[in-house]
């Protein structure tokens, strides 16, 4: 299963980003083969609608679960429509690797 983790950078040592639509990067972690890849969030600087565009991008990537600090109401609605699970994590001083390690348990 592909899990998306919001990130401030493009490495596993980058901090977890509490924002979904405005996160700088997305880490895609595949639970089946434990691989990771990073994709820059092309919508982070949009004037409006960053969350909905991000939700569309996530669905196109085949992600089944998103871990972030918060989701706007429109992004939540869209992710629900795409049957993508949302997990809210409020740990600010956490790295992407910390989140991946928790997923492995």
PDB file of N, CA and C in Angstrom:
ATOM      1  N   UNK A   1       0.834  -1.173   0.000  1.00  0.00           N
ATOM      2  CA  UNK A   1       0.000   0.000   0.000  1.00  0.00           C
ATOM      3  C   UNK A   1       0.888   1.249   0.000  1.00  0.00           C
ATOM      4  N   UNK A   2       0.483   2.221  -0.790  1.00  0.00           N
ATOM      5  CA  UNK A   2       1.214   3.481  -0.825  1.00  0.00           C
ATOM      6  C   UNK A   2       0.661   4.433   0.232  1.00  0.00           C
ATOM      7  N   UNK A   3       1.590   4.959   1.052  1.00  0.00           N
ATOM      8  CA  UNK A   3       1.250   5.907   2.104  1.00  0.00           C
ATOM      9  C   UNK A   3       1.971   7.212   1.818  1.00  0.00           C
ATOM     10  N   UNK A   4       1.238   8.309   1.839  1.00  0.00           N
ATOM     11  CA  UNK A   4       1.850   9.613   1.627  1.00  0.00           C
ATOM     12  C   UNK A   4       2.062  10.282   2.977  1.00  0.00           C
ATOM     13  N   UNK A   5       3.268  10.815   3.170  1.00  0.00           N
ATOM     14  CA  UNK A   5       3.632  11.538   4.390  1.00  0.00           C
ATOM     15  C   UNK A   5       4.047  12.940   3.983  1.00  0.00           C
ATOM     16  N   UNK A   6       3.421  13.954   4.571  1.00  0.00           N
ATOM     17  CA  UNK A   6       3.794  15.325   4.230  1.00  0.00           C
ATOM     18  C   UNK A   6       5.148  15.654   4.846  1.00  0.00           C
ATOM     19  N   UNK A   7       5.965  16.374   4.087  1.00  0.00           N
ATOM     20  CA  UNK A   7       7.357  16.602   4.464  1.00  0.00           C
ATOM     21  C   UNK A   7       7.804  18.020   4.115  1.00  0.00           C
ATOM     22  N   UNK A   8       8.775  18.512   4.882  1.00  0.00           N
ATOM     23  CA  UNK A   8       9.347  19.828   4.587  1.00  0.00           C
ATOM     24  C   UNK A   8      10.498  19.741   3.585  1.00  0.00           C
ATOM     25  N   UNK A   9      10.993  18.537   3.329  1.00  0.00           N
ATOM     26  CA  UNK A   9      12.123  18.370   2.414  1.00  0.00           C
ATOM     27  C   UNK A   9      12.033  17.059   1.658  1.00  0.00           C
ATOM     28  N   UNK A  10      13.072  16.768   0.882  1.00  0.00           N
ATOM     29  CA  UNK A  10      13.029  15.592   0.017  1.00  0.00           C
ATOM     30  C   UNK A  10      13.925  14.444   0.490  1.00  0.00           C
ATOM     31  N   UNK A  11      14.102  14.330   1.808  1.00  0.00           N
ATOM     32  CA  UNK A  11      14.840  13.199   2.376  1.00  0.00           C
ATOM     33  C   UNK A  11      14.078  12.679   3.598  1.00  0.00           C
ATOM     34  N   UNK A  12      14.374  11.463   3.990  1.00  0.00           N
ATOM     35  CA  UNK A  12      13.714  10.862   5.154  1.00  0.00           C
ATOM     36  C   UNK A  12      14.070  11.582   6.446  1.00  0.00           C
ATOM     37  N   UNK A  13      15.173  12.315   6.449  1.00  0.00           N
ATOM     38  CA  UNK A  13      15.572  13.070   7.641  1.00  0.00           C
ATOM     39  C   UNK A  13      14.898  14.425   7.737  1.00  0.00           C
ATOM     40  N   UNK A  14      14.122  14.796   6.723  1.00  0.00           N
ATOM     41  CA  UNK A  14      13.400  16.074   6.744  1.00  0.00           C
ATOM     42  C   UNK A  14      12.289  16.010   7.787  1.00  0.00           C
ATOM     43  N   UNK A  15      11.878  17.177   8.262  1.00  0.00           N
ATOM     44  CA  UNK A  15      10.803  17.238   9.239  1.00  0.00           C
ATOM     45  C   UNK A  15       9.456  16.923   8.598  1.00  0.00           C
ATOM     46  N   UNK A  16       8.613  16.297   9.377  1.00  0.00           N
ATOM     47  CA  UNK A  16       7.223  16.054   9.016  1.00  0.00           C
ATOM     48  C   UNK A  16       6.543  17.422   8.906  1.00  0.00           C
ATOM     49  N   UNK A  17       5.748  17.614   7.861  1.00  0.00           N
ATOM     50  CA  UNK A  17       5.053  18.891   7.652  1.00  0.00           C
ATOM     51  C   UNK A  17       3.611  18.748   8.120  1.00  0.00           C
ATOM     52  N   UNK A  18       3.174  19.641   8.977  1.00  0.00           N
ATOM     53  CA  UNK A  18       1.817  19.588   9.518  1.00  0.00           C
ATOM     54  C   UNK A  18       0.759  20.029   8.509  1.00  0.00           C
ATOM     55  N   UNK A  19       1.176  20.576   7.392  1.00  0.00           N
ATOM     56  CA  UNK A  19       0.234  21.065   6.374  1.00  0.00           C
ATOM     57  C   UNK A  19       0.095  20.024   5.270  1.00  0.00           C
ATOM     58  N   UNK A  20      -1.107  19.883   4.755  1.00  0.00           N
ATOM     59  CA  UNK A  20      -1.324  18.957   3.641  1.00  0.00           C
ATOM     60  C   UNK A  20      -1.170  19.678   2.306  1.00  0.00           C
ATOM     61  N   UNK A  21      -2.061  20.578   2.002  1.00  0.00           N
ATOM     62  CA  UNK A  21      -2.055  21.252   0.706  1.00  0.00           C
ATOM     63  C   UNK A  21      -0.866  22.166   0.483  1.00  0.00           C
ATOM     64  N   UNK A  22      -0.283  22.652   1.556  1.00  0.00           N
ATOM     65  CA  UNK A  22       0.850  23.577   1.455  1.00  0.00           C
ATOM     66  C   UNK A  22       2.191  22.942   1.847  1.00  0.00           C
ATOM     67  N   UNK A  23       2.193  21.638   2.056  1.00  0.00           N
ATOM     68  CA  UNK A  23       3.458  20.951   2.371  1.00  0.00           C
ATOM     69  C   UNK A  23       4.421  21.119   1.200  1.00  0.00           C
ATOM     70  N   UNK A  24       5.701  21.244   1.517  1.00  0.00           N
ATOM     71  CA  UNK A  24       6.700  21.422   0.462  1.00  0.00           C
ATOM     72  C   UNK A  24       6.914  20.169  -0.369  1.00  0.00           C
ATOM     73  N   UNK A  25       6.885  19.022   0.299  1.00  0.00           N
ATOM     74  CA  UNK A  25       7.184  17.753  -0.358  1.00  0.00           C
ATOM     75  C   UNK A  25       6.237  16.673   0.134  1.00  0.00           C
ATOM     76  N   UNK A  26       6.107  15.634  -0.661  1.00  0.00           N
ATOM     77  CA  UNK A  26       5.362  14.452  -0.280  1.00  0.00           C
ATOM     78  C   UNK A  26       6.298  13.257  -0.355  1.00  0.00           C
ATOM     79  N   UNK A  27       6.354  12.510   0.730  1.00  0.00           N
ATOM     80  CA  UNK A  27       7.088  11.244   0.731  1.00  0.00           C
ATOM     81  C   UNK A  27       6.074  10.137   0.462  1.00  0.00           C
ATOM     82  N   UNK A  28       6.343   9.338  -0.530  1.00  0.00           N
ATOM     83  CA  UNK A  28       5.510   8.174  -0.826  1.00  0.00           C
ATOM     84  C   UNK A  28       6.249   6.950  -0.291  1.00  0.00           C
ATOM     85  N   UNK A  29       5.658   6.321   0.710  1.00  0.00           N
ATOM     86  CA  UNK A  29       6.240   5.123   1.307  1.00  0.00           C
ATOM     87  C   UNK A  29       5.385   3.927   0.897  1.00  0.00           C
ATOM     88  N   UNK A  30       6.016   2.935   0.304  1.00  0.00           N
ATOM     89  CA  UNK A  30       5.316   1.727  -0.119  1.00  0.00           C
ATOM     90  C   UNK A  30       5.517   0.655   0.947  1.00  0.00           C
ATOM     91  N   UNK A  31       4.451   0.264   1.604  1.00  0.00           N
ATOM     92  CA  UNK A  31       4.556  -0.698   2.700  1.00  0.00           C
ATOM     93  C   UNK A  31       4.913  -2.104   2.212  1.00  0.00           C
ATOM     94  N   UNK A  32       4.689  -2.390   0.945  1.00  0.00           N
ATOM     95  CA  UNK A  32       4.974  -3.728   0.421  1.00  0.00           C
ATOM     96  C   UNK A  32       6.457  -3.978   0.209  1.00  0.00           C
ATOM     97  N   UNK A  33       7.168  -2.976  -0.300  1.00  0.00           N
ATOM     98  CA  UNK A  33       8.604  -3.188  -0.540  1.00  0.00           C
ATOM     99  C   UNK A  33       9.491  -2.223   0.259  1.00  0.00           C
ATOM    100  N   UNK A  34       8.890  -1.434   1.161  1.00  0.00           N
ATOM    101  CA  UNK A  34       9.598  -0.497   2.042  1.00  0.00           C
ATOM    102  C   UNK A  34      10.395   0.561   1.264  1.00  0.00           C
ATOM    103  N   UNK A  35       9.952   0.862   0.052  1.00  0.00           N
ATOM    104  CA  UNK A  35      10.643   1.893  -0.728  1.00  0.00           C
ATOM    105  C   UNK A  35      10.041   3.271  -0.442  1.00  0.00           C
ATOM    106  N   UNK A  36      10.856   4.282  -0.647  1.00  0.00           N
ATOM    107  CA  UNK A  36      10.389   5.658  -0.490  1.00  0.00           C
ATOM    108  C   UNK A  36      10.758   6.462  -1.730  1.00  0.00           C
ATOM    109  N   UNK A  37       9.909   7.407  -2.055  1.00  0.00           N
ATOM    110  CA  UNK A  37      10.219   8.370  -3.108  1.00  0.00           C
ATOM    111  C   UNK A  37       9.640   9.704  -2.672  1.00  0.00           C
ATOM    112  N   UNK A  38      10.210  10.760  -3.193  1.00  0.00           N
ATOM    113  CA  UNK A  38       9.776  12.105  -2.818  1.00  0.00           C
ATOM    114  C   UNK A  38       9.323  12.865  -4.054  1.00  0.00           C
ATOM    115  N   UNK A  39       8.206  13.559  -3.894  1.00  0.00           N
ATOM    116  CA  UNK A  39       7.636  14.349  -4.974  1.00  0.00           C
ATOM    117  C   UNK A  39       7.401  15.756  -4.441  1.00  0.00           C
ATOM    118  N   UNK A  40       7.867  16.738  -5.174  1.00  0.00           N
ATOM    119  CA  UNK A  40       7.619  18.113  -4.762  1.00  0.00           C
ATOM    120  C   UNK A  40       6.147  18.434  -4.957  1.00  0.00           C
ATOM    121  N   UNK A  41       5.574  19.143  -3.987  1.00  0.00           N
ATOM    122  CA  UNK A  41       4.172  19.538  -4.072  1.00  0.00           C
ATOM    123  C   UNK A  41       4.072  20.727  -5.019  1.00  0.00           C
ATOM    124  N   UNK A  42       3.569  20.471  -6.206  1.00  0.00           N
ATOM    125  CA  UNK A  42       3.481  21.517  -7.228  1.00  0.00           C
ATOM    126  C   UNK A  42       2.384  22.536  -6.924  1.00  0.00           C
ATOM    127  N   UNK A  43       1.565  22.273  -5.928  1.00  0.00           N
ATOM    128  CA  UNK A  43       0.441  23.158  -5.612  1.00  0.00           C
ATOM    129  C   UNK A  43       0.651  24.015  -4.370  1.00  0.00           C
ATOM    130  N   UNK A  44       1.804  23.905  -3.730  1.00  0.00           N
ATOM    131  CA  UNK A  44       2.018  24.565  -2.437  1.00  0.00           C
ATOM    132  C   UNK A  44       1.911  26.084  -2.488  1.00  0.00           C
ATOM    133  N   UNK A  45       2.171  26.699  -3.625  1.00  0.00           N
ATOM    134  CA  UNK A  45       2.151  28.153  -3.728  1.00  0.00           C
ATOM    135  C   UNK A  45       0.919  28.699  -4.446  1.00  0.00           C
ATOM    136  N   UNK A  46      -0.077  27.868  -4.670  1.00  0.00           N
ATOM    137  CA  UNK A  46      -1.306  28.318  -5.337  1.00  0.00           C
ATOM    138  C   UNK A  46      -2.004  29.374  -4.484  1.00  0.00           C
ATOM    139  N   UNK A  47      -2.656  30.294  -5.153  1.00  0.00           N
ATOM    140  CA  UNK A  47      -3.423  31.327  -4.457  1.00  0.00           C
ATOM    141  C   UNK A  47      -4.554  30.704  -3.648  1.00  0.00           C
ATOM    142  N   UNK A  48      -5.252  29.758  -4.226  1.00  0.00           N
ATOM    143  CA  UNK A  48      -6.361  29.084  -3.561  1.00  0.00           C
ATOM    144  C   UNK A  48      -6.501  27.686  -4.105  1.00  0.00           C
ATOM    145  N   UNK A  49      -7.152  26.844  -3.346  1.00  0.00           N
ATOM    146  CA  UNK A  49      -7.408  25.485  -3.812  1.00  0.00           C
ATOM    147  C   UNK A  49      -6.227  24.541  -3.739  1.00  0.00           C
ATOM    148  N   UNK A  50      -5.223  24.872  -2.915  1.00  0.00           N
ATOM    149  CA  UNK A  50      -4.047  23.995  -2.822  1.00  0.00           C
ATOM    150  C   UNK A  50      -4.421  22.614  -2.293  1.00  0.00           C
ATOM    151  N   UNK A  51      -5.322  22.568  -1.329  1.00  0.00           N
ATOM    152  CA  UNK A  51      -5.723  21.285  -0.741  1.00  0.00           C
ATOM    153  C   UNK A  51      -6.457  20.390  -1.714  1.00  0.00           C
ATOM    154  N   UNK A  52      -7.369  20.968  -2.490  1.00  0.00           N
ATOM    155  CA  UNK A  52      -8.115  20.145  -3.449  1.00  0.00           C
ATOM    156  C   UNK A  52      -7.218  19.660  -4.576  1.00  0.00           C
ATOM    157  N   UNK A  53      -6.332  20.511  -5.053  1.00  0.00           N
ATOM    158  CA  UNK A  53      -5.389  20.082  -6.097  1.00  0.00           C
ATOM    159  C   UNK A  53      -4.449  19.008  -5.556  1.00  0.00           C
ATOM    160  N   UNK A  54      -4.021  19.167  -4.296  1.00  0.00           N
ATOM    161  CA  UNK A  54      -3.149  18.166  -3.679  1.00  0.00           C
ATOM    162  C   UNK A  54      -3.886  16.836  -3.560  1.00  0.00           C
ATOM    163  N   UNK A  55      -5.156  16.870  -3.190  1.00  0.00           N
ATOM    164  CA  UNK A  55      -5.950  15.639  -3.075  1.00  0.00           C
ATOM    165  C   UNK A  55      -6.060  14.937  -4.428  1.00  0.00           C
ATOM    166  N   UNK A  56      -6.254  15.715  -5.483  1.00  0.00           N
ATOM    167  CA  UNK A  56      -6.312  15.136  -6.827  1.00  0.00           C
ATOM    168  C   UNK A  56      -4.976  14.502  -7.207  1.00  0.00           C
ATOM    169  N   UNK A  57      -3.879  15.187  -6.854  1.00  0.00           N
ATOM    170  CA  UNK A  57      -2.540  14.668  -7.149  1.00  0.00           C
ATOM    171  C   UNK A  57      -2.301  13.358  -6.390  1.00  0.00           C
ATOM    172  N   UNK A  58      -2.689  13.318  -5.131  1.00  0.00           N
ATOM    173  CA  UNK A  58      -2.520  12.128  -4.301  1.00  0.00           C
ATOM    174  C   UNK A  58      -3.287  10.945  -4.903  1.00  0.00           C
ATOM    175  N   UNK A  59      -4.521  11.193  -5.324  1.00  0.00           N
ATOM    176  CA  UNK A  59      -5.326  10.126  -5.923  1.00  0.00           C
ATOM    177  C   UNK A  59      -4.678   9.602  -7.198  1.00  0.00           C
ATOM    178  N   UNK A  60      -4.135  10.508  -8.010  1.00  0.00           N
ATOM    179  CA  UNK A  60      -3.481  10.110  -9.256  1.00  0.00           C
ATOM    180  C   UNK A  60      -2.238   9.252  -8.994  1.00  0.00           C
ATOM    181  N   UNK A  61      -1.617   9.425  -7.833  1.00  0.00           N
ATOM    182  CA  UNK A  61      -0.423   8.662  -7.473  1.00  0.00           C
ATOM    183  C   UNK A  61      -0.760   7.263  -6.949  1.00  0.00           C
ATOM    184  N   UNK A  62      -2.031   6.989  -6.723  1.00  0.00           N
ATOM    185  CA  UNK A  62      -2.433   5.681  -6.226  1.00  0.00           C
ATOM    186  C   UNK A  62      -2.235   5.501  -4.736  1.00  0.00           C
ATOM    187  N   UNK A  63      -2.193   6.595  -4.005  1.00  0.00           N
ATOM    188  CA  UNK A  63      -2.008   6.554  -2.555  1.00  0.00           C
ATOM    189  C   UNK A  63      -3.308   6.109  -1.888  1.00  0.00           C
ATOM    190  N   UNK A  64      -3.191   5.300  -0.828  1.00  0.00           N
ATOM    191  CA  UNK A  64      -4.368   4.818  -0.101  1.00  0.00           C
ATOM    192  C   UNK A  64      -4.490   5.424   1.298  1.00  0.00           C
ATOM    193  N   UNK A  65      -3.402   6.026   1.802  1.00  0.00           N
ATOM    194  CA  UNK A  65      -3.410   6.633   3.132  1.00  0.00           C
ATOM    195  C   UNK A  65      -2.535   7.877   3.104  1.00  0.00           C
ATOM    196  N   UNK A  66      -2.996   8.959   3.748  1.00  0.00           N
ATOM    197  CA  UNK A  66      -2.226  10.192   3.848  1.00  0.00           C
ATOM    198  C   UNK A  66      -2.031  10.520   5.324  1.00  0.00           C
ATOM    199  N   UNK A  67      -0.790  10.798   5.695  1.00  0.00           N
ATOM    200  CA  UNK A  67      -0.475  11.198   7.065  1.00  0.00           C
ATOM    201  C   UNK A  67      -0.024  12.650   7.028  1.00  0.00           C
ATOM    202  N   UNK A  68      -0.772  13.514   7.712  1.00  0.00           N
ATOM    203  CA  UNK A  68      -0.463  14.940   7.748  1.00  0.00           C
ATOM    204  C   UNK A  68      -0.974  15.514   9.064  1.00  0.00           C
ATOM    205  N   UNK A  69      -0.692  16.775   9.292  1.00  0.00           N
ATOM    206  CA  UNK A  69      -1.125  17.419  10.529  1.00  0.00           C
ATOM    207  C   UNK A  69      -2.539  17.940  10.466  1.00  0.00           C
ATOM    208  N   UNK A  70      -3.006  18.268   9.270  1.00  0.00           N
ATOM    209  CA  UNK A  70      -4.346  18.818   9.132  1.00  0.00           C
ATOM    210  C   UNK A  70      -4.781  18.733   7.680  1.00  0.00           C
ATOM    211  N   UNK A  71      -6.077  18.725   7.476  1.00  0.00           N
ATOM    212  CA  UNK A  71      -6.672  18.701   6.144  1.00  0.00           C
ATOM    213  C   UNK A  71      -7.793  19.730   6.130  1.00  0.00           C
ATOM    214  N   UNK A  72      -7.837  20.529   5.103  1.00  0.00           N
ATOM    215  CA  UNK A  72      -8.933  21.470   4.970  1.00  0.00           C
ATOM    216  C   UNK A  72     -10.219  20.730   4.637  1.00  0.00           C
ATOM    217  N   UNK A  73     -11.371  21.387   4.828  1.00  0.00           N
ATOM    218  CA  UNK A  73     -12.660  20.708   4.593  1.00  0.00           C
ATOM    219  C   UNK A  73     -12.844  20.229   3.159  1.00  0.00           C
ATOM    220  N   UNK A  74     -12.410  21.003   2.185  1.00  0.00           N
ATOM    221  CA  UNK A  74     -12.564  20.585   0.782  1.00  0.00           C
ATOM    222  C   UNK A  74     -11.637  19.414   0.452  1.00  0.00           C
ATOM    223  N   UNK A  75     -10.413  19.467   0.989  1.00  0.00           N
ATOM    224  CA  UNK A  75      -9.473  18.364   0.774  1.00  0.00           C
ATOM    225  C   UNK A  75     -10.003  17.089   1.430  1.00  0.00           C
ATOM    226  N   UNK A  76     -10.559  17.213   2.636  1.00  0.00           N
ATOM    227  CA  UNK A  76     -11.142  16.052   3.325  1.00  0.00           C
ATOM    228  C   UNK A  76     -12.250  15.428   2.484  1.00  0.00           C
ATOM    229  N   UNK A  77     -13.139  16.269   1.972  1.00  0.00           N
ATOM    230  CA  UNK A  77     -14.246  15.756   1.156  1.00  0.00           C
ATOM    231  C   UNK A  77     -13.735  14.993  -0.062  1.00  0.00           C
ATOM    232  N   UNK A  78     -12.734  15.567  -0.724  1.00  0.00           N
ATOM    233  CA  UNK A  78     -12.203  14.929  -1.927  1.00  0.00           C
ATOM    234  C   UNK A  78     -11.494  13.619  -1.592  1.00  0.00           C
ATOM    235  N   UNK A  79     -10.689  13.629  -0.548  1.00  0.00           N
ATOM    236  CA  UNK A  79      -9.982  12.408  -0.152  1.00  0.00           C
ATOM    237  C   UNK A  79     -10.984  11.321   0.227  1.00  0.00           C
ATOM    238  N   UNK A  80     -12.070  11.703   0.893  1.00  0.00           N
ATOM    239  CA  UNK A  80     -13.130  10.734   1.208  1.00  0.00           C
ATOM    240  C   UNK A  80     -13.752  10.172  -0.064  1.00  0.00           C
ATOM    241  N   UNK A  81     -13.989  11.031  -1.037  1.00  0.00           N
ATOM    242  CA  UNK A  81     -14.562  10.580  -2.308  1.00  0.00           C
ATOM    243  C   UNK A  81     -13.647   9.574  -3.003  1.00  0.00           C
ATOM    244  N   UNK A  82     -12.331   9.782  -2.868  1.00  0.00           N
ATOM    245  CA  UNK A  82     -11.348   8.881  -3.480  1.00  0.00           C
ATOM    246  C   UNK A  82     -11.053   7.665  -2.598  1.00  0.00           C
ATOM    247  N   UNK A  83     -11.739   7.556  -1.445  1.00  0.00           N
ATOM    248  CA  UNK A  83     -11.525   6.456  -0.479  1.00  0.00           C
ATOM    249  C   UNK A  83     -10.086   6.394   0.008  1.00  0.00           C
ATOM    250  N   UNK A  84      -9.509   7.559   0.274  1.00  0.00           N
ATOM    251  CA  UNK A  84      -8.147   7.653   0.794  1.00  0.00           C
ATOM    252  C   UNK A  84      -8.238   7.960   2.285  1.00  0.00           C
ATOM    253  N   UNK A  85      -7.626   7.102   3.093  1.00  0.00           N
ATOM    254  CA  UNK A  85      -7.652   7.261   4.547  1.00  0.00           C
ATOM    255  C   UNK A  85      -6.791   8.447   4.956  1.00  0.00           C
ATOM    256  N   UNK A  86      -7.274   9.242   5.897  1.00  0.00           N
ATOM    257  CA  UNK A  86      -6.527  10.380   6.425  1.00  0.00           C
ATOM    258  C   UNK A  86      -6.140  10.102   7.865  1.00  0.00           C
ATOM    259  N   UNK A  87      -4.869  10.313   8.177  1.00  0.00           N
ATOM    260  CA  UNK A  87      -4.373  10.147   9.535  1.00  0.00           C
ATOM    261  C   UNK A  87      -3.780  11.493   9.950  1.00  0.00           C
ATOM    262  N   UNK A  88      -4.285  12.024  11.062  1.00  0.00           N
ATOM    263  CA  UNK A  88      -3.780  13.307  11.555  1.00  0.00           C
ATOM    264  C   UNK A  88      -2.758  13.032  12.636  1.00  0.00           C
ATOM    265  N   UNK A  89      -1.579  13.603  12.442  1.00  0.00           N
ATOM    266  CA  UNK A  89      -0.472  13.464  13.386  1.00  0.00           C
ATOM    267  C   UNK A  89      -0.065  14.863  13.816  1.00  0.00           C
ATOM    268  N   UNK A  90      -0.055  15.127  15.102  1.00  0.00           N
ATOM    269  CA  UNK A  90       0.237  16.473  15.605  1.00  0.00           C
ATOM    270  C   UNK A  90       1.611  16.565  16.266  1.00  0.00           C
ATOM    271  N   UNK A  91       2.547  15.754  15.838  1.00  0.00           N
ATOM    272  CA  UNK A  91       3.904  15.786  16.406  1.00  0.00           C
ATOM    273  C   UNK A  91       4.778  16.667  15.536  1.00  0.00           C
ATOM    274  N   UNK A  92       5.034  17.868  16.025  1.00  0.00           N
ATOM    275  CA  UNK A  92       5.765  18.844  15.229  1.00  0.00           C
ATOM    276  C   UNK A  92       7.250  18.507  15.076  1.00  0.00           C
ATOM    277  N   UNK A  93       7.876  17.982  16.115  1.00  0.00           N
ATOM    278  CA  UNK A  93       9.306  17.688  16.066  1.00  0.00           C
ATOM    279  C   UNK A  93       9.543  16.238  15.666  1.00  0.00           C
ATOM    280  N   UNK A  94       9.004  15.861  14.529  1.00  0.00           N
ATOM    281  CA  UNK A  94       9.090  14.496  14.028  1.00  0.00           C
ATOM    282  C   UNK A  94       9.657  14.524  12.620  1.00  0.00           C
ATOM    283  N   UNK A  95      10.492  13.557  12.314  1.00  0.00           N
ATOM    284  CA  UNK A  95      11.009  13.462  10.950  1.00  0.00           C
ATOM    285  C   UNK A  95      10.150  12.480  10.154  1.00  0.00           C
ATOM    286  N   UNK A  96      10.305  12.521   8.859  1.00  0.00           N
ATOM    287  CA  UNK A  96       9.613  11.575   7.995  1.00  0.00           C
ATOM    288  C   UNK A  96      10.027  10.152   8.360  1.00  0.00           C
ATOM    289  N   UNK A  97      11.305   9.948   8.657  1.00  0.00           N
ATOM    290  CA  UNK A  97      11.785   8.621   9.040  1.00  0.00           C
ATOM    291  C   UNK A  97      11.099   8.133  10.308  1.00  0.00           C
ATOM    292  N   UNK A  98      10.846   9.027  11.270  1.00  0.00           N
ATOM    293  CA  UNK A  98      10.131   8.654  12.494  1.00  0.00           C
ATOM    294  C   UNK A  98       8.739   8.112  12.156  1.00  0.00           C
ATOM    295  N   UNK A  99       8.067   8.777  11.228  1.00  0.00           N
ATOM    296  CA  UNK A  99       6.722   8.339  10.822  1.00  0.00           C
ATOM    297  C   UNK A  99       6.799   6.983  10.135  1.00  0.00           C
ATOM    298  N   UNK A 100       7.783   6.817   9.249  1.00  0.00           N
ATOM    299  CA  UNK A 100       7.957   5.528   8.569  1.00  0.00           C
ATOM    300  C   UNK A 100       8.230   4.419   9.576  1.00  0.00           C
ATOM    301  N   UNK A 101       9.073   4.711  10.560  1.00  0.00           N
ATOM    302  CA  UNK A 101       9.379   3.704  11.586  1.00  0.00           C
ATOM    303  C   UNK A 101       8.120   3.276  12.344  1.00  0.00           C
ATOM    304  N   UNK A 102       7.218   4.220  12.612  1.00  0.00           N
ATOM    305  CA  UNK A 102       5.960   3.897  13.275  1.00  0.00           C
ATOM    306  C   UNK A 102       5.070   3.017  12.382  1.00  0.00           C
ATOM    307  N   UNK A 103       5.105   3.268  11.081  1.00  0.00           N
ATOM    308  CA  UNK A 103       4.314   2.456  10.155  1.00  0.00           C
ATOM    309  C   UNK A 103       4.809   1.015  10.097  1.00  0.00           C
ATOM    310  N   UNK A 104       6.083   0.811  10.330  1.00  0.00           N
ATOM    311  CA  UNK A 104       6.673  -0.527  10.254  1.00  0.00           C
ATOM    312  C   UNK A 104       6.323  -1.387  11.456  1.00  0.00           C
ATOM    313  N   UNK A 105       5.858  -0.761  12.527  1.00  0.00           N
ATOM    314  CA  UNK A 105       5.565  -1.523  13.768  1.00  0.00           C
ATOM    315  C   UNK A 105       4.276  -2.282  13.656  1.00  0.00           C
TER     316      UNK A 105
END
